[in-house]
Amino acid sequence: MIQIISCPLPGGGRALLKTSDIGGATTAKNPQECDVYVLGWAQEGITIDLSVEEFAEVWVSALLDEGETPEYEIVFTSDDLH
């Protein structure tokens, strides 16, 4: 099965992202949004209307979804780490 997630866009509408093609995400200028980098068509990043923490939960849930509730913990490092 191909895992696809639907993400809201800041100006309205939605983006459909193939989870295996997502390379990563960074906090956008607005901390309530994040920039998602997708292999092939959004290599420069696409801004979505989710914080990076919210997006991480959606992305990991989709990657781990096997029809059961996945058990995982997302740990965010301190902003002081580089």
N, C-alpha and C. Protein backbone atom coordinates (compact mmCIF):
# COMPACT_ATOMS: atom_id res chain seq x y z
N MET A 1 0.83 -1.17 0.00
CA MET A 1 0.00 0.00 0.00
C MET A 1 0.88 1.25 0.00
N ILE A 2 0.49 2.23 -0.75
CA ILE A 2 1.22 3.51 -0.79
C ILE A 2 0.61 4.43 0.26
N GLN A 3 1.45 4.90 1.17
CA GLN A 3 0.99 5.79 2.24
C GLN A 3 0.99 7.24 1.74
N ILE A 4 -0.15 7.88 1.83
CA ILE A 4 -0.32 9.28 1.44
C ILE A 4 -0.90 10.03 2.63
N ILE A 5 -0.38 11.23 2.89
CA ILE A 5 -0.98 12.07 3.93
C ILE A 5 -1.48 13.35 3.28
N SER A 6 -2.54 13.88 3.82
CA SER A 6 -3.14 15.12 3.35
C SER A 6 -2.82 16.21 4.36
N CYS A 7 -2.25 17.32 3.90
CA CYS A 7 -1.84 18.41 4.79
C CYS A 7 -2.50 19.71 4.35
N PRO A 8 -2.97 20.52 5.30
CA PRO A 8 -3.58 21.80 4.95
C PRO A 8 -2.52 22.81 4.51
N LEU A 9 -2.89 23.64 3.54
CA LEU A 9 -2.01 24.70 3.07
C LEU A 9 -2.41 26.02 3.72
N PRO A 10 -1.48 26.93 3.96
CA PRO A 10 -1.79 28.18 4.65
C PRO A 10 -2.86 29.03 3.97
N GLY A 11 -2.89 29.06 2.65
CA GLY A 11 -3.86 29.89 1.93
C GLY A 11 -5.16 29.17 1.62
N GLY A 12 -5.31 27.97 2.15
CA GLY A 12 -6.48 27.14 1.85
C GLY A 12 -6.07 26.01 0.93
N GLY A 13 -6.89 25.02 0.85
CA GLY A 13 -6.58 23.85 0.04
C GLY A 13 -5.72 22.86 0.82
N ARG A 14 -5.33 21.80 0.14
CA ARG A 14 -4.55 20.74 0.78
C ARG A 14 -3.49 20.23 -0.17
N ALA A 15 -2.44 19.66 0.39
CA ALA A 15 -1.38 19.00 -0.37
C ALA A 15 -1.40 17.53 -0.01
N LEU A 16 -1.26 16.67 -1.00
CA LEU A 16 -1.15 15.23 -0.75
C LEU A 16 0.31 14.86 -0.90
N LEU A 17 0.86 14.20 0.12
CA LEU A 17 2.27 13.87 0.14
C LEU A 17 2.46 12.36 0.32
N LYS A 18 3.29 11.77 -0.52
CA LYS A 18 3.65 10.36 -0.38
C LYS A 18 4.68 10.28 0.74
N THR A 19 4.35 9.58 1.81
CA THR A 19 5.18 9.60 3.00
C THR A 19 6.62 9.14 2.76
N SER A 20 6.80 8.18 1.88
CA SER A 20 8.16 7.67 1.64
C SER A 20 9.03 8.66 0.87
N ASP A 21 8.42 9.68 0.25
CA ASP A 21 9.18 10.68 -0.51
C ASP A 21 9.52 11.91 0.31
N ILE A 22 9.03 11.98 1.53
CA ILE A 22 9.31 13.14 2.38
C ILE A 22 10.73 13.01 2.92
N GLY A 23 11.52 14.05 2.71
CA GLY A 23 12.90 14.03 3.19
C GLY A 23 13.06 14.64 4.56
N GLY A 24 12.16 15.54 4.95
CA GLY A 24 12.24 16.19 6.25
C GLY A 24 11.35 17.41 6.29
N ALA A 25 11.38 18.10 7.43
CA ALA A 25 10.57 19.31 7.61
C ALA A 25 11.31 20.25 8.56
N THR A 26 11.09 21.54 8.35
CA THR A 26 11.67 22.56 9.21
C THR A 26 10.59 23.54 9.62
N THR A 27 10.81 24.21 10.74
CA THR A 27 9.88 25.25 11.17
C THR A 27 9.93 26.38 10.16
N ALA A 28 8.77 26.89 9.78
CA ALA A 28 8.69 28.01 8.84
C ALA A 28 8.83 29.33 9.60
N LYS A 29 8.73 30.44 8.88
CA LYS A 29 8.81 31.76 9.53
C LYS A 29 7.71 31.90 10.57
N ASN A 30 6.54 31.37 10.27
CA ASN A 30 5.43 31.32 11.22
C ASN A 30 5.56 29.99 11.97
N PRO A 31 5.72 30.00 13.29
CA PRO A 31 5.94 28.74 14.02
C PRO A 31 4.74 27.79 14.00
N GLN A 32 3.59 28.27 13.55
CA GLN A 32 2.42 27.41 13.41
C GLN A 32 2.40 26.68 12.07
N GLU A 33 3.43 26.91 11.26
CA GLU A 33 3.56 26.28 9.94
C GLU A 33 4.92 25.61 9.85
N CYS A 34 5.08 24.72 8.88
CA CYS A 34 6.39 24.13 8.64
C CYS A 34 6.60 23.95 7.14
N ASP A 35 7.85 23.87 6.76
CA ASP A 35 8.23 23.63 5.37
C ASP A 35 8.61 22.16 5.25
N VAL A 36 7.96 21.47 4.32
CA VAL A 36 8.18 20.05 4.12
C VAL A 36 8.92 19.87 2.79
N TYR A 37 9.96 19.05 2.81
CA TYR A 37 10.78 18.81 1.63
C TYR A 37 10.45 17.42 1.08
N VAL A 38 10.02 17.41 -0.20
CA VAL A 38 9.54 16.18 -0.83
C VAL A 38 10.39 15.89 -2.06
N LEU A 39 10.91 14.68 -2.14
CA LEU A 39 11.72 14.28 -3.29
C LEU A 39 10.91 14.39 -4.57
N GLY A 40 11.50 14.97 -5.59
CA GLY A 40 10.85 15.03 -6.89
C GLY A 40 10.15 16.33 -7.21
N TRP A 41 9.20 16.75 -6.40
CA TRP A 41 8.42 17.93 -6.80
C TRP A 41 8.44 19.09 -5.81
N ALA A 42 8.87 18.92 -4.60
CA ALA A 42 8.94 20.03 -3.65
C ALA A 42 10.30 20.01 -2.95
N GLN A 43 11.35 19.92 -3.75
CA GLN A 43 12.70 19.84 -3.18
C GLN A 43 13.10 21.14 -2.49
N GLU A 44 12.47 22.25 -2.86
CA GLU A 44 12.75 23.53 -2.23
C GLU A 44 11.86 23.75 -1.01
N GLY A 45 10.94 22.84 -0.78
CA GLY A 45 10.05 22.91 0.37
C GLY A 45 8.68 23.45 0.01
N ILE A 46 7.68 22.94 0.68
CA ILE A 46 6.31 23.41 0.54
C ILE A 46 5.83 23.75 1.95
N THR A 47 5.26 24.93 2.11
CA THR A 47 4.79 25.36 3.43
C THR A 47 3.40 24.78 3.68
N ILE A 48 3.26 24.11 4.81
CA ILE A 48 1.95 23.58 5.19
C ILE A 48 1.50 24.21 6.49
N ASP A 49 0.21 24.17 6.73
CA ASP A 49 -0.39 24.83 7.88
C ASP A 49 -0.47 23.91 9.09
N LEU A 50 0.68 23.35 9.47
CA LEU A 50 0.83 22.55 10.67
C LEU A 50 2.17 22.91 11.28
N SER A 51 2.26 22.92 12.61
CA SER A 51 3.57 23.13 13.22
C SER A 51 4.44 21.91 12.91
N VAL A 52 5.73 22.04 13.08
CA VAL A 52 6.63 20.92 12.79
C VAL A 52 6.32 19.74 13.72
N GLU A 53 5.90 20.02 14.94
CA GLU A 53 5.54 18.94 15.87
C GLU A 53 4.28 18.20 15.41
N GLU A 54 3.28 18.97 14.96
CA GLU A 54 2.04 18.34 14.46
C GLU A 54 2.33 17.52 13.21
N PHE A 55 3.15 18.08 12.31
CA PHE A 55 3.49 17.36 11.09
C PHE A 55 4.25 16.07 11.41
N ALA A 56 5.18 16.14 12.36
CA ALA A 56 5.96 14.95 12.72
C ALA A 56 5.05 13.83 13.19
N GLU A 57 4.06 14.15 13.98
CA GLU A 57 3.13 13.12 14.46
C GLU A 57 2.34 12.50 13.31
N VAL A 58 1.86 13.33 12.38
CA VAL A 58 1.11 12.82 11.23
C VAL A 58 2.00 11.94 10.37
N TRP A 59 3.23 12.41 10.09
CA TRP A 59 4.15 11.69 9.22
C TRP A 59 4.55 10.34 9.83
N VAL A 60 4.96 10.35 11.09
CA VAL A 60 5.38 9.10 11.73
C VAL A 60 4.21 8.13 11.84
N SER A 61 3.04 8.64 12.17
CA SER A 61 1.85 7.77 12.26
C SER A 61 1.59 7.09 10.92
N ALA A 62 1.72 7.84 9.83
CA ALA A 62 1.49 7.26 8.51
C ALA A 62 2.58 6.24 8.16
N LEU A 63 3.82 6.52 8.50
CA LEU A 63 4.90 5.59 8.21
C LEU A 63 4.77 4.29 8.98
N LEU A 64 4.27 4.37 10.21
CA LEU A 64 4.19 3.20 11.07
C LEU A 64 2.86 2.48 11.01
N ASP A 65 1.88 3.07 10.33
CA ASP A 65 0.52 2.52 10.33
C ASP A 65 0.47 1.16 9.65
N GLU A 66 0.06 0.18 10.41
CA GLU A 66 -0.13 -1.16 9.88
C GLU A 66 -1.50 -1.67 10.27
N GLY A 67 -2.47 -0.74 10.41
CA GLY A 67 -3.81 -1.12 10.78
C GLY A 67 -4.05 -1.16 12.28
N GLU A 68 -2.99 -1.00 13.06
CA GLU A 68 -3.10 -0.99 14.51
C GLU A 68 -2.61 0.36 15.01
N THR A 69 -2.89 0.66 16.26
CA THR A 69 -2.38 1.89 16.84
C THR A 69 -0.89 1.72 17.11
N PRO A 70 -0.06 2.49 16.41
CA PRO A 70 1.39 2.34 16.62
C PRO A 70 1.80 2.91 17.97
N GLU A 71 2.82 2.30 18.57
CA GLU A 71 3.36 2.81 19.81
C GLU A 71 4.74 3.39 19.51
N TYR A 72 4.87 4.68 19.71
CA TYR A 72 6.13 5.36 19.45
C TYR A 72 6.17 6.63 20.26
N GLU A 73 7.33 7.22 20.35
CA GLU A 73 7.49 8.49 21.02
C GLU A 73 8.39 9.36 20.16
N ILE A 74 7.95 10.58 19.90
CA ILE A 74 8.76 11.52 19.14
C ILE A 74 9.45 12.42 20.15
N VAL A 75 10.76 12.51 20.07
CA VAL A 75 11.53 13.33 20.99
C VAL A 75 12.13 14.48 20.20
N PHE A 76 11.82 15.70 20.63
CA PHE A 76 12.37 16.87 19.99
C PHE A 76 13.54 17.36 20.82
N THR A 77 14.65 17.64 20.15
CA THR A 77 15.84 18.09 20.86
C THR A 77 15.72 19.57 21.20
N SER A 78 16.51 20.01 22.13
CA SER A 78 16.54 21.40 22.54
C SER A 78 16.96 22.29 21.38
N ASP A 79 16.43 23.50 21.35
CA ASP A 79 16.82 24.46 20.31
C ASP A 79 18.30 24.85 20.44
N ASP A 80 18.90 24.55 21.59
CA ASP A 80 20.31 24.87 21.80
C ASP A 80 21.24 23.94 21.05
N LEU A 81 20.74 22.76 20.64
CA LEU A 81 21.58 21.81 19.91
C LEU A 81 21.64 22.21 18.44
N HIS A 82 22.77 22.01 17.83
CA HIS A 82 22.93 22.34 16.41
C HIS A 82 23.42 21.15 15.66
